Amino acid sequence: MAPLTLHEDPRSGNCYKIRLTAALLGVPLTTRSYDITKGETRTPEFLAQVNANGRIPVLQIGEGADARFLPESNAACWYLAHGSALIPAERFAQADMLRWMFFEQYNHEPNVATLRFWLSIMGEANLSPEQRALVGAKRAAGNAALALMDSHLAGHAFFCGDTPSLADIALFAYTHVAEEGGFRLGDYPHIQSWIARIQALSGFIPMI
């Protein structure tokens, strides 16, 4: 495999997904850190060389003139896990895994991750009036996503069967730090048990 470099902010759960996927698979990964609160992913150099969308994470595959750059966390996780047990072989199970990964990006991350960023990284005192007005709605939507996850996990060890998949990695990243956004994980006992199972996996690494 070509050398891999992760362009990341280590506080980001989306970046952590990729690091955790690589760690669980034993894939070597070099990291390059940026501070998104200081605009380090919006410089002309970053936009021209890494990601014209000005966002991280970006997985760089290869070096020099032949390097390719893959934005979007779940796409990068898929690239790393291709051919491994983290992607189910059976057709429905694979589609079900993608279903939960889409759920993470559409229902979970915009609420759970956003409130964590606003309250834990930006700080509540620095929120704009528009952001303050959205906190209640995002809290409700985040709790709805967590409740759905908890209900599913009441009858399943992992999101797609008896073994972990990329769906678990995608959802674990921001769920296990949800309390930093004001969510109460104690209200979700099945999520708590699932978090412990993920943390017990061989090769697991913590977020920071």
N, C-alpha and C. Protein backbone atom coordinates (compact mmCIF):
# COMPACT_ATOMS: atom_id res chain seq x y z
N MET A 1 0.84 -1.20 0.00
CA MET A 1 0.00 0.00 0.00
C MET A 1 0.88 1.24 0.00
N ALA A 2 0.44 2.24 -0.74
CA ALA A 2 1.18 3.50 -0.79
C ALA A 2 1.20 4.15 0.58
N PRO A 3 2.20 4.99 0.86
CA PRO A 3 2.22 5.71 2.14
C PRO A 3 0.95 6.51 2.34
N LEU A 4 0.47 6.53 3.58
CA LEU A 4 -0.78 7.21 3.90
C LEU A 4 -0.54 8.35 4.88
N THR A 5 -1.10 9.50 4.59
CA THR A 5 -1.00 10.66 5.47
C THR A 5 -2.40 11.19 5.73
N LEU A 6 -2.73 11.37 6.99
CA LEU A 6 -4.02 11.93 7.36
C LEU A 6 -3.86 13.40 7.71
N HIS A 7 -4.50 14.26 6.95
CA HIS A 7 -4.55 15.68 7.26
C HIS A 7 -5.73 15.87 8.20
N GLU A 8 -5.46 16.31 9.44
CA GLU A 8 -6.49 16.26 10.46
C GLU A 8 -6.35 17.36 11.50
N ASP A 9 -7.44 17.59 12.23
CA ASP A 9 -7.43 18.26 13.52
C ASP A 9 -7.71 17.16 14.53
N PRO A 10 -6.79 16.83 15.43
CA PRO A 10 -6.95 15.66 16.30
C PRO A 10 -8.14 15.75 17.24
N ARG A 11 -8.74 16.92 17.39
CA ARG A 11 -9.94 17.04 18.22
C ARG A 11 -11.20 16.59 17.50
N SER A 12 -11.10 16.40 16.21
CA SER A 12 -12.26 16.08 15.37
C SER A 12 -12.59 14.59 15.41
N GLY A 13 -13.85 14.29 15.66
CA GLY A 13 -14.28 12.90 15.61
C GLY A 13 -14.23 12.33 14.20
N ASN A 14 -14.49 13.16 13.20
CA ASN A 14 -14.40 12.69 11.83
C ASN A 14 -12.97 12.27 11.48
N CYS A 15 -11.99 12.98 12.00
CA CYS A 15 -10.60 12.58 11.79
C CYS A 15 -10.27 11.32 12.60
N TYR A 16 -10.81 11.26 13.80
CA TYR A 16 -10.56 10.09 14.66
C TYR A 16 -11.08 8.80 14.03
N LYS A 17 -12.19 8.87 13.31
CA LYS A 17 -12.71 7.68 12.63
C LYS A 17 -11.62 7.02 11.79
N ILE A 18 -10.89 7.84 11.07
CA ILE A 18 -9.88 7.31 10.15
C ILE A 18 -8.70 6.74 10.92
N ARG A 19 -8.27 7.46 11.96
CA ARG A 19 -7.17 6.94 12.78
C ARG A 19 -7.56 5.63 13.45
N LEU A 20 -8.80 5.54 13.93
CA LEU A 20 -9.24 4.32 14.60
C LEU A 20 -9.35 3.16 13.61
N THR A 21 -9.88 3.43 12.43
CA THR A 21 -9.96 2.38 11.40
C THR A 21 -8.57 1.85 11.08
N ALA A 22 -7.63 2.74 10.87
CA ALA A 22 -6.25 2.31 10.56
C ALA A 22 -5.66 1.51 11.72
N ALA A 23 -5.90 1.96 12.95
CA ALA A 23 -5.34 1.26 14.11
C ALA A 23 -5.92 -0.14 14.24
N LEU A 24 -7.22 -0.29 14.07
CA LEU A 24 -7.85 -1.61 14.19
C LEU A 24 -7.36 -2.57 13.11
N LEU A 25 -6.98 -2.00 11.97
CA LEU A 25 -6.50 -2.84 10.86
C LEU A 25 -4.98 -2.99 10.85
N GLY A 26 -4.28 -2.27 11.74
CA GLY A 26 -2.83 -2.33 11.75
C GLY A 26 -2.18 -1.65 10.55
N VAL A 27 -2.85 -0.64 10.02
CA VAL A 27 -2.34 0.07 8.84
C VAL A 27 -1.55 1.30 9.29
N PRO A 28 -0.28 1.43 8.89
CA PRO A 28 0.51 2.61 9.27
C PRO A 28 -0.07 3.89 8.70
N LEU A 29 -0.11 4.92 9.52
CA LEU A 29 -0.72 6.17 9.12
C LEU A 29 0.06 7.33 9.71
N THR A 30 0.56 8.21 8.85
CA THR A 30 1.21 9.44 9.30
C THR A 30 0.14 10.52 9.40
N THR A 31 0.29 11.42 10.37
CA THR A 31 -0.69 12.49 10.51
C THR A 31 -0.04 13.86 10.36
N ARG A 32 -0.83 14.79 9.84
CA ARG A 32 -0.43 16.19 9.78
C ARG A 32 -1.56 17.01 10.37
N SER A 33 -1.27 17.77 11.42
CA SER A 33 -2.31 18.44 12.18
C SER A 33 -2.54 19.88 11.72
N TYR A 34 -3.80 20.30 11.79
CA TYR A 34 -4.24 21.66 11.50
C TYR A 34 -5.17 22.09 12.61
N ASP A 35 -5.23 23.37 12.87
CA ASP A 35 -6.18 23.93 13.83
C ASP A 35 -7.29 24.61 13.04
N ILE A 36 -8.48 23.98 13.02
CA ILE A 36 -9.55 24.53 12.20
C ILE A 36 -10.08 25.84 12.78
N THR A 37 -9.89 26.07 14.09
CA THR A 37 -10.37 27.31 14.68
C THR A 37 -9.51 28.51 14.29
N LYS A 38 -8.33 28.24 13.73
CA LYS A 38 -7.44 29.31 13.28
C LYS A 38 -7.42 29.45 11.75
N GLY A 39 -8.32 28.74 11.09
CA GLY A 39 -8.41 28.87 9.64
C GLY A 39 -7.29 28.19 8.88
N GLU A 40 -6.64 27.20 9.49
CA GLU A 40 -5.47 26.59 8.85
C GLU A 40 -5.84 25.70 7.66
N THR A 41 -7.13 25.38 7.51
CA THR A 41 -7.54 24.60 6.33
C THR A 41 -8.15 25.50 5.26
N ARG A 42 -8.02 26.81 5.44
CA ARG A 42 -8.58 27.75 4.47
C ARG A 42 -7.49 28.57 3.79
N THR A 43 -6.25 28.19 3.98
CA THR A 43 -5.16 28.92 3.35
C THR A 43 -5.11 28.60 1.86
N PRO A 44 -4.54 29.48 1.05
CA PRO A 44 -4.43 29.19 -0.38
C PRO A 44 -3.68 27.89 -0.66
N GLU A 45 -2.65 27.60 0.16
CA GLU A 45 -1.87 26.38 -0.04
C GLU A 45 -2.72 25.14 0.20
N PHE A 46 -3.48 25.14 1.30
CA PHE A 46 -4.32 23.98 1.61
C PHE A 46 -5.38 23.80 0.53
N LEU A 47 -6.03 24.88 0.14
CA LEU A 47 -7.10 24.79 -0.86
C LEU A 47 -6.57 24.29 -2.19
N ALA A 48 -5.36 24.67 -2.53
CA ALA A 48 -4.79 24.28 -3.82
C ALA A 48 -4.21 22.87 -3.80
N GLN A 49 -3.65 22.47 -2.66
CA GLN A 49 -2.88 21.22 -2.62
C GLN A 49 -3.59 20.06 -1.95
N VAL A 50 -4.51 20.34 -1.02
CA VAL A 50 -5.10 19.25 -0.22
C VAL A 50 -6.59 19.09 -0.49
N ASN A 51 -7.39 20.14 -0.29
CA ASN A 51 -8.83 20.03 -0.48
C ASN A 51 -9.41 21.39 -0.81
N ALA A 52 -9.92 21.53 -2.01
CA ALA A 52 -10.48 22.81 -2.44
C ALA A 52 -11.72 23.19 -1.65
N ASN A 53 -12.29 22.22 -0.92
CA ASN A 53 -13.46 22.49 -0.08
C ASN A 53 -13.05 23.04 1.29
N GLY A 54 -11.75 23.08 1.57
CA GLY A 54 -11.28 23.70 2.80
C GLY A 54 -11.62 22.95 4.06
N ARG A 55 -11.79 21.65 3.96
CA ARG A 55 -12.20 20.87 5.12
C ARG A 55 -11.26 19.68 5.35
N ILE A 56 -11.25 19.23 6.59
CA ILE A 56 -10.59 17.99 6.95
C ILE A 56 -11.62 17.09 7.64
N PRO A 57 -11.34 15.79 7.67
CA PRO A 57 -10.12 15.10 7.29
C PRO A 57 -9.97 14.91 5.78
N VAL A 58 -8.71 14.73 5.40
CA VAL A 58 -8.36 14.33 4.04
C VAL A 58 -7.31 13.24 4.16
N LEU A 59 -7.55 12.11 3.53
CA LEU A 59 -6.58 11.03 3.50
C LEU A 59 -5.74 11.18 2.24
N GLN A 60 -4.44 11.38 2.42
CA GLN A 60 -3.52 11.47 1.29
C GLN A 60 -2.93 10.10 1.03
N ILE A 61 -3.05 9.66 -0.21
CA ILE A 61 -2.56 8.34 -0.61
C ILE A 61 -1.38 8.54 -1.54
N GLY A 62 -0.20 8.17 -1.08
CA GLY A 62 1.01 8.38 -1.86
C GLY A 62 1.65 9.72 -1.55
N GLU A 63 2.73 9.99 -2.25
CA GLU A 63 3.50 11.21 -1.99
C GLU A 63 3.90 11.85 -3.32
N GLY A 64 4.25 13.13 -3.24
CA GLY A 64 4.77 13.82 -4.42
C GLY A 64 3.72 14.01 -5.49
N ALA A 65 4.17 14.01 -6.72
CA ALA A 65 3.30 14.30 -7.85
C ALA A 65 2.22 13.23 -8.04
N ASP A 66 2.46 12.03 -7.54
CA ASP A 66 1.50 10.94 -7.72
C ASP A 66 0.49 10.85 -6.58
N ALA A 67 0.57 11.72 -5.59
CA ALA A 67 -0.33 11.66 -4.45
C ALA A 67 -1.77 11.93 -4.87
N ARG A 68 -2.68 11.19 -4.23
CA ARG A 68 -4.11 11.41 -4.41
C ARG A 68 -4.70 11.79 -3.06
N PHE A 69 -5.75 12.60 -3.08
CA PHE A 69 -6.34 13.13 -1.85
C PHE A 69 -7.81 12.75 -1.78
N LEU A 70 -8.18 12.12 -0.68
CA LEU A 70 -9.54 11.62 -0.51
C LEU A 70 -10.20 12.31 0.68
N PRO A 71 -11.06 13.32 0.45
CA PRO A 71 -11.81 13.95 1.54
C PRO A 71 -12.98 13.05 1.98
N GLU A 72 -13.65 13.48 3.03
CA GLU A 72 -14.83 12.84 3.60
C GLU A 72 -14.42 11.60 4.42
N SER A 73 -14.74 11.67 5.70
CA SER A 73 -14.25 10.66 6.65
C SER A 73 -14.72 9.26 6.32
N ASN A 74 -16.00 9.10 6.00
CA ASN A 74 -16.49 7.74 5.77
C ASN A 74 -15.93 7.14 4.48
N ALA A 75 -15.67 7.99 3.48
CA ALA A 75 -15.04 7.50 2.26
C ALA A 75 -13.61 7.04 2.55
N ALA A 76 -12.89 7.79 3.38
CA ALA A 76 -11.53 7.41 3.73
C ALA A 76 -11.52 6.12 4.53
N CYS A 77 -12.48 5.95 5.45
CA CYS A 77 -12.57 4.70 6.20
C CYS A 77 -12.83 3.52 5.27
N TRP A 78 -13.69 3.73 4.30
CA TRP A 78 -14.00 2.67 3.32
C TRP A 78 -12.74 2.28 2.55
N TYR A 79 -11.98 3.27 2.13
CA TYR A 79 -10.74 2.99 1.39
C TYR A 79 -9.81 2.12 2.23
N LEU A 80 -9.63 2.49 3.49
CA LEU A 80 -8.72 1.74 4.35
C LEU A 80 -9.22 0.32 4.61
N ALA A 81 -10.53 0.17 4.77
CA ALA A 81 -11.09 -1.12 5.20
C ALA A 81 -11.44 -2.05 4.05
N HIS A 82 -11.27 -1.60 2.82
CA HIS A 82 -11.63 -2.43 1.68
C HIS A 82 -10.96 -3.80 1.77
N GLY A 83 -11.77 -4.85 1.66
CA GLY A 83 -11.25 -6.21 1.72
C GLY A 83 -11.04 -6.76 3.12
N SER A 84 -11.39 -5.97 4.14
CA SER A 84 -11.21 -6.42 5.53
C SER A 84 -12.54 -6.82 6.14
N ALA A 85 -12.47 -7.36 7.36
CA ALA A 85 -13.67 -7.78 8.07
C ALA A 85 -14.52 -6.61 8.55
N LEU A 86 -14.00 -5.39 8.47
CA LEU A 86 -14.79 -4.23 8.87
C LEU A 86 -15.86 -3.86 7.85
N ILE A 87 -15.81 -4.48 6.67
CA ILE A 87 -16.86 -4.32 5.66
C ILE A 87 -17.47 -5.70 5.43
N PRO A 88 -18.73 -5.91 5.80
CA PRO A 88 -19.33 -7.23 5.63
C PRO A 88 -19.32 -7.67 4.18
N ALA A 89 -19.18 -8.98 3.98
CA ALA A 89 -19.15 -9.52 2.63
C ALA A 89 -20.56 -9.71 2.06
N GLU A 90 -21.52 -10.03 2.92
CA GLU A 90 -22.88 -10.31 2.46
C GLU A 90 -23.56 -9.02 2.00
N ARG A 91 -24.32 -9.12 0.94
CA ARG A 91 -24.84 -7.93 0.26
C ARG A 91 -25.73 -7.06 1.14
N PHE A 92 -26.71 -7.68 1.83
CA PHE A 92 -27.61 -6.89 2.67
C PHE A 92 -26.85 -6.28 3.84
N ALA A 93 -25.97 -7.06 4.46
CA ALA A 93 -25.20 -6.56 5.60
C ALA A 93 -24.34 -5.36 5.20
N GLN A 94 -23.78 -5.42 4.01
CA GLN A 94 -22.98 -4.30 3.54
C GLN A 94 -23.83 -3.06 3.32
N ALA A 95 -25.01 -3.23 2.74
CA ALA A 95 -25.92 -2.11 2.55
C ALA A 95 -26.41 -1.57 3.90
N ASP A 96 -26.64 -2.47 4.85
CA ASP A 96 -27.08 -2.04 6.17
C ASP A 96 -25.99 -1.24 6.87
N MET A 97 -24.74 -1.63 6.69
CA MET A 97 -23.63 -0.87 7.23
C MET A 97 -23.63 0.55 6.65
N LEU A 98 -23.83 0.65 5.34
CA LEU A 98 -23.88 1.96 4.70
C LEU A 98 -25.07 2.78 5.22
N ARG A 99 -26.18 2.11 5.47
CA ARG A 99 -27.35 2.79 6.03
C ARG A 99 -27.01 3.50 7.33
N TRP A 100 -26.29 2.81 8.22
CA TRP A 100 -25.93 3.41 9.50
C TRP A 100 -24.87 4.51 9.31
N MET A 101 -24.01 4.37 8.33
CA MET A 101 -23.01 5.41 8.07
C MET A 101 -23.69 6.67 7.51
N PHE A 102 -24.71 6.49 6.68
CA PHE A 102 -25.47 7.64 6.20
C PHE A 102 -26.26 8.29 7.35
N PHE A 103 -26.82 7.45 8.20
CA PHE A 103 -27.53 7.95 9.39
C PHE A 103 -26.59 8.80 10.24
N GLU A 104 -25.36 8.35 10.41
CA GLU A 104 -24.39 9.08 11.22
C GLU A 104 -24.14 10.48 10.65
N GLN A 105 -24.02 10.58 9.35
CA GLN A 105 -23.73 11.86 8.74
C GLN A 105 -24.95 12.78 8.65
N TYR A 106 -26.15 12.19 8.56
CA TYR A 106 -27.35 13.00 8.34
C TYR A 106 -28.09 13.32 9.64
N ASN A 107 -28.19 12.35 10.56
CA ASN A 107 -28.96 12.53 11.79
C ASN A 107 -28.12 12.74 13.04
N HIS A 108 -26.97 12.12 13.08
CA HIS A 108 -26.17 12.09 14.30
C HIS A 108 -25.13 13.22 14.33
N GLU A 109 -24.24 13.22 13.38
CA GLU A 109 -23.12 14.16 13.38
C GLU A 109 -23.55 15.63 13.37
N PRO A 110 -24.57 16.03 12.58
CA PRO A 110 -24.95 17.45 12.57
C PRO A 110 -25.48 17.96 13.90
N ASN A 111 -25.85 17.05 14.79
CA ASN A 111 -26.41 17.46 16.07
C ASN A 111 -25.46 17.15 17.23
N VAL A 112 -25.08 15.90 17.38
CA VAL A 112 -24.20 15.51 18.49
C VAL A 112 -22.82 16.15 18.33
N ALA A 113 -22.24 16.05 17.15
CA ALA A 113 -20.90 16.60 16.93
C ALA A 113 -20.91 18.12 16.94
N THR A 114 -21.96 18.72 16.37
CA THR A 114 -22.01 20.18 16.31
C THR A 114 -22.10 20.79 17.71
N LEU A 115 -22.93 20.21 18.57
CA LEU A 115 -23.02 20.75 19.93
C LEU A 115 -21.72 20.55 20.69
N ARG A 116 -21.04 19.44 20.46
CA ARG A 116 -19.74 19.26 21.10
C ARG A 116 -18.77 20.35 20.65
N PHE A 117 -18.75 20.64 19.36
CA PHE A 117 -17.85 21.67 18.85
C PHE A 117 -18.21 23.03 19.41
N TRP A 118 -19.49 23.35 19.39
CA TRP A 118 -19.93 24.65 19.87
C TRP A 118 -19.62 24.85 21.35
N LEU A 119 -19.94 23.85 22.17
CA LEU A 119 -19.87 24.03 23.62
C LEU A 119 -18.51 23.70 24.20
N SER A 120 -17.82 22.71 23.63
CA SER A 120 -16.56 22.26 24.21
C SER A 120 -15.34 22.89 23.56
N ILE A 121 -15.42 23.19 22.28
CA ILE A 121 -14.26 23.72 21.57
C ILE A 121 -14.39 25.24 21.36
N MET A 122 -15.50 25.69 20.83
CA MET A 122 -15.71 27.14 20.67
C MET A 122 -15.98 27.82 22.01
N GLY A 123 -16.80 27.19 22.84
CA GLY A 123 -17.22 27.78 24.10
C GLY A 123 -18.55 28.50 23.95
N GLU A 124 -19.46 28.25 24.88
CA GLU A 124 -20.81 28.80 24.77
C GLU A 124 -20.80 30.31 24.68
N ALA A 125 -19.87 30.96 25.37
CA ALA A 125 -19.83 32.43 25.37
C ALA A 125 -19.50 32.99 23.99
N ASN A 126 -18.93 32.17 23.13
CA ASN A 126 -18.52 32.64 21.80
C ASN A 126 -19.53 32.32 20.70
N LEU A 127 -20.67 31.74 21.06
CA LEU A 127 -21.66 31.40 20.06
C LEU A 127 -22.37 32.65 19.56
N SER A 128 -22.73 32.62 18.29
CA SER A 128 -23.50 33.72 17.72
C SER A 128 -24.96 33.59 18.16
N PRO A 129 -25.73 34.65 18.04
CA PRO A 129 -27.16 34.54 18.36
C PRO A 129 -27.86 33.45 17.54
N GLU A 130 -27.45 33.30 16.28
CA GLU A 130 -28.05 32.27 15.43
C GLU A 130 -27.73 30.88 15.95
N GLN A 131 -26.49 30.66 16.39
CA GLN A 131 -26.12 29.36 16.94
C GLN A 131 -26.86 29.08 18.24
N ARG A 132 -26.95 30.09 19.11
CA ARG A 132 -27.67 29.91 20.38
C ARG A 132 -29.12 29.49 20.14
N ALA A 133 -29.72 30.07 19.11
CA ALA A 133 -31.12 29.76 18.81
C ALA A 133 -31.31 28.32 18.35
N LEU A 134 -30.24 27.69 17.87
CA LEU A 134 -30.33 26.33 17.35
C LEU A 134 -30.00 25.26 18.38
N VAL A 135 -29.49 25.64 19.53
CA VAL A 135 -29.02 24.66 20.52
C VAL A 135 -30.14 23.72 20.94
N GLY A 136 -31.31 24.24 21.24
CA GLY A 136 -32.41 23.40 21.70
C GLY A 136 -32.84 22.39 20.66
N ALA A 137 -32.95 22.81 19.41
CA ALA A 137 -33.36 21.90 18.35
C ALA A 137 -32.31 20.83 18.10
N LYS A 138 -31.04 21.22 18.16
CA LYS A 138 -29.98 20.24 17.96
C LYS A 138 -29.89 19.27 19.13
N ARG A 139 -30.17 19.75 20.33
CA ARG A 139 -30.20 18.86 21.49
C ARG A 139 -31.29 17.80 21.33
N ALA A 140 -32.48 18.24 20.91
CA ALA A 140 -33.59 17.30 20.72
C ALA A 140 -33.29 16.29 19.61
N ALA A 141 -32.75 16.78 18.50
CA ALA A 141 -32.44 15.88 17.38
C ALA A 141 -31.32 14.92 17.74
N GLY A 142 -30.32 15.40 18.49
CA GLY A 142 -29.24 14.52 18.92
C GLY A 142 -29.73 13.44 19.85
N ASN A 143 -30.60 13.80 20.78
CA ASN A 143 -31.14 12.79 21.69
C ASN A 143 -32.02 11.78 20.96
N ALA A 144 -32.72 12.23 19.92
CA ALA A 144 -33.51 11.30 19.12
C ALA A 144 -32.61 10.29 18.41
N ALA A 145 -31.48 10.76 17.89
CA ALA A 145 -30.54 9.85 17.24
C ALA A 145 -29.95 8.86 18.24
N LEU A 146 -29.59 9.34 19.42
CA LEU A 146 -29.03 8.46 20.44
C LEU A 146 -30.06 7.44 20.92
N ALA A 147 -31.30 7.86 21.05
CA ALA A 147 -32.36 6.94 21.47
C ALA A 147 -32.57 5.84 20.45
N LEU A 148 -32.53 6.19 19.17
CA LEU A 148 -32.66 5.18 18.13
C LEU A 148 -31.51 4.19 18.18
N MET A 149 -30.30 4.70 18.35
CA MET A 149 -29.13 3.82 18.48
C MET A 149 -29.28 2.89 19.68
N ASP A 150 -29.69 3.46 20.81
CA ASP A 150 -29.82 2.67 22.03
C ASP A 150 -30.85 1.55 21.86
N SER A 151 -31.95 1.86 21.21
CA SER A 151 -32.98 0.86 20.96
C SER A 151 -32.46 -0.27 20.08
N HIS A 152 -31.71 0.08 19.05
CA HIS A 152 -31.14 -0.94 18.16
C HIS A 152 -30.14 -1.82 18.91
N LEU A 153 -29.31 -1.19 19.73
CA LEU A 153 -28.27 -1.92 20.44
C LEU A 153 -28.83 -2.79 21.57
N ALA A 154 -30.08 -2.58 21.92
CA ALA A 154 -30.69 -3.44 22.94
C ALA A 154 -30.73 -4.90 22.48
N GLY A 155 -30.77 -5.11 21.17
CA GLY A 155 -30.82 -6.47 20.65
C GLY A 155 -29.65 -6.85 19.78
N HIS A 156 -28.61 -6.02 19.74
CA HIS A 156 -27.47 -6.28 18.87
C HIS A 156 -26.17 -5.90 19.58
N ALA A 157 -25.14 -6.71 19.42
CA ALA A 157 -23.84 -6.38 20.01
C ALA A 157 -23.19 -5.22 19.27
N PHE A 158 -23.36 -5.21 17.96
CA PHE A 158 -22.83 -4.14 17.12
C PHE A 158 -23.93 -3.74 16.14
N PHE A 159 -23.67 -2.73 15.32
CA PHE A 159 -24.75 -2.21 14.50
C PHE A 159 -25.14 -3.12 13.34
N CYS A 160 -24.21 -3.95 12.88
CA CYS A 160 -24.52 -4.84 11.75
C CYS A 160 -24.11 -6.26 12.09
N GLY A 161 -24.73 -6.83 13.11
CA GLY A 161 -24.44 -8.21 13.45
C GLY A 161 -23.60 -8.36 14.70
N ASP A 162 -22.86 -9.46 14.74
CA ASP A 162 -22.12 -9.83 15.95
C ASP A 162 -20.68 -9.36 15.94
N THR A 163 -20.26 -8.71 14.88
CA THR A 163 -18.88 -8.23 14.80
C THR A 163 -18.88 -6.76 14.40
N PRO A 164 -17.84 -6.03 14.77
CA PRO A 164 -17.81 -4.59 14.44
C PRO A 164 -17.60 -4.35 12.95
N SER A 165 -18.13 -3.23 12.49
CA SER A 165 -17.96 -2.81 11.10
C SER A 165 -17.68 -1.31 11.08
N LEU A 166 -17.54 -0.78 9.89
CA LEU A 166 -17.33 0.66 9.77
C LEU A 166 -18.50 1.46 10.34
N ALA A 167 -19.68 0.87 10.37
CA ALA A 167 -20.82 1.57 10.98
C ALA A 167 -20.54 1.88 12.44
N ASP A 168 -19.95 0.93 13.15
CA ASP A 168 -19.62 1.13 14.56
C ASP A 168 -18.55 2.20 14.72
N ILE A 169 -17.55 2.17 13.88
CA ILE A 169 -16.48 3.18 13.97
C ILE A 169 -17.05 4.57 13.70
N ALA A 170 -17.88 4.68 12.66
CA ALA A 170 -18.45 5.98 12.31
C ALA A 170 -19.29 6.55 13.45
N LEU A 171 -20.09 5.70 14.08
CA LEU A 171 -20.97 6.18 15.15
C LEU A 171 -20.25 6.32 16.48
N PHE A 172 -19.22 5.54 16.71
CA PHE A 172 -18.48 5.62 17.97
C PHE A 172 -17.79 6.96 18.14
N ALA A 173 -17.25 7.49 17.05
CA ALA A 173 -16.35 8.64 17.15
C ALA A 173 -16.94 9.80 17.93
N TYR A 174 -18.14 10.21 17.60
CA TYR A 174 -18.75 11.33 18.32
C TYR A 174 -19.66 10.89 19.45
N THR A 175 -20.14 9.64 19.42
CA THR A 175 -21.02 9.19 20.50
C THR A 175 -20.27 9.11 21.82
N HIS A 176 -19.05 8.59 21.81
CA HIS A 176 -18.37 8.36 23.09
C HIS A 176 -17.93 9.65 23.77
N VAL A 177 -17.95 10.76 23.03
CA VAL A 177 -17.65 12.07 23.63
C VAL A 177 -18.87 12.98 23.62
N ALA A 178 -20.06 12.39 23.51
CA ALA A 178 -21.28 13.19 23.40
C ALA A 178 -21.53 14.05 24.63
N GLU A 179 -21.04 13.60 25.79
CA GLU A 179 -21.26 14.40 27.00
C GLU A 179 -20.55 15.75 26.94
N GLU A 180 -19.53 15.86 26.09
CA GLU A 180 -18.87 17.15 25.90
C GLU A 180 -19.79 18.15 25.20
N GLY A 181 -20.86 17.65 24.59
CA GLY A 181 -21.86 18.50 23.97
C GLY A 181 -23.11 18.63 24.81
N GLY A 182 -23.05 18.13 26.05
CA GLY A 182 -24.19 18.27 26.95
C GLY A 182 -25.18 17.13 26.92
N PHE A 183 -24.89 16.05 26.20
CA PHE A 183 -25.77 14.88 26.18
C PHE A 183 -25.42 13.97 27.37
N ARG A 184 -26.40 13.24 27.86
CA ARG A 184 -26.19 12.37 29.02
C ARG A 184 -26.17 10.92 28.57
N LEU A 185 -24.99 10.34 28.48
CA LEU A 185 -24.89 8.96 28.04
C LEU A 185 -25.48 7.99 29.06
N GLY A 186 -25.58 8.42 30.31
CA GLY A 186 -26.21 7.58 31.32
C GLY A 186 -27.66 7.26 31.01
N ASP A 187 -28.28 8.04 30.14
CA ASP A 187 -29.65 7.77 29.74
C ASP A 187 -29.74 6.65 28.71
N TYR A 188 -28.60 6.19 28.22
CA TYR A 188 -28.57 5.21 27.13
C TYR A 188 -27.68 4.03 27.51
N PRO A 189 -28.19 3.10 28.33
CA PRO A 189 -27.35 2.01 28.85
C PRO A 189 -26.80 1.08 27.77
N HIS A 190 -27.56 0.86 26.71
CA HIS A 190 -27.08 -0.05 25.66
C HIS A 190 -25.96 0.61 24.86
N ILE A 191 -26.02 1.91 24.69
CA ILE A 191 -24.91 2.62 24.07
C ILE A 191 -23.67 2.52 24.96
N GLN A 192 -23.83 2.66 26.25
CA GLN A 192 -22.69 2.57 27.16
C GLN A 192 -22.01 1.20 27.06
N SER A 193 -22.81 0.14 26.99
CA SER A 193 -22.23 -1.21 26.86
C SER A 193 -21.52 -1.37 25.54
N TRP A 194 -22.11 -0.82 24.49
CA TRP A 194 -21.49 -0.88 23.15
C TRP A 194 -20.18 -0.11 23.13
N ILE A 195 -20.13 1.06 23.76
CA ILE A 195 -18.88 1.82 23.85
C ILE A 195 -17.79 0.98 24.50
N ALA A 196 -18.14 0.28 25.56
CA ALA A 196 -17.15 -0.58 26.24
C ALA A 196 -16.68 -1.69 25.32
N ARG A 197 -17.57 -2.24 24.50
CA ARG A 197 -17.15 -3.30 23.57
C ARG A 197 -16.19 -2.75 22.52
N ILE A 198 -16.45 -1.55 22.01
CA ILE A 198 -15.54 -0.95 21.03
C ILE A 198 -14.18 -0.70 21.67
N GLN A 199 -14.17 -0.16 22.86
CA GLN A 199 -12.92 0.16 23.54
C GLN A 199 -12.12 -1.10 23.88
N ALA A 200 -12.77 -2.25 23.92
CA ALA A 200 -12.08 -3.50 24.22
C ALA A 200 -11.51 -4.19 22.99
N LEU A 201 -11.77 -3.64 21.80
CA LEU A 201 -11.27 -4.27 20.59
C LEU A 201 -9.75 -4.23 20.51
N SER A 202 -9.18 -5.27 19.96
CA SER A 202 -7.73 -5.33 19.77
C SER A 202 -7.30 -4.23 18.81
N GLY A 203 -6.31 -3.44 19.20
CA GLY A 203 -5.83 -2.37 18.35
C GLY A 203 -6.49 -1.02 18.63
N PHE A 204 -7.47 -1.00 19.52
CA PHE A 204 -8.18 0.25 19.81
C PHE A 204 -7.22 1.33 20.28
N ILE A 205 -7.47 2.56 19.82
CA ILE A 205 -6.72 3.72 20.30
C ILE A 205 -7.72 4.78 20.74
N PRO A 206 -7.40 5.54 21.78
CA PRO A 206 -8.30 6.62 22.21
C PRO A 206 -8.26 7.79 21.26
N MET A 207 -9.22 8.68 21.41
CA MET A 207 -9.35 9.80 20.48
C MET A 207 -8.16 10.74 20.57
N ILE A 208 -7.79 11.16 21.77
CA ILE A 208 -6.65 12.04 21.95
C ILE A 208 -5.76 11.44 23.03
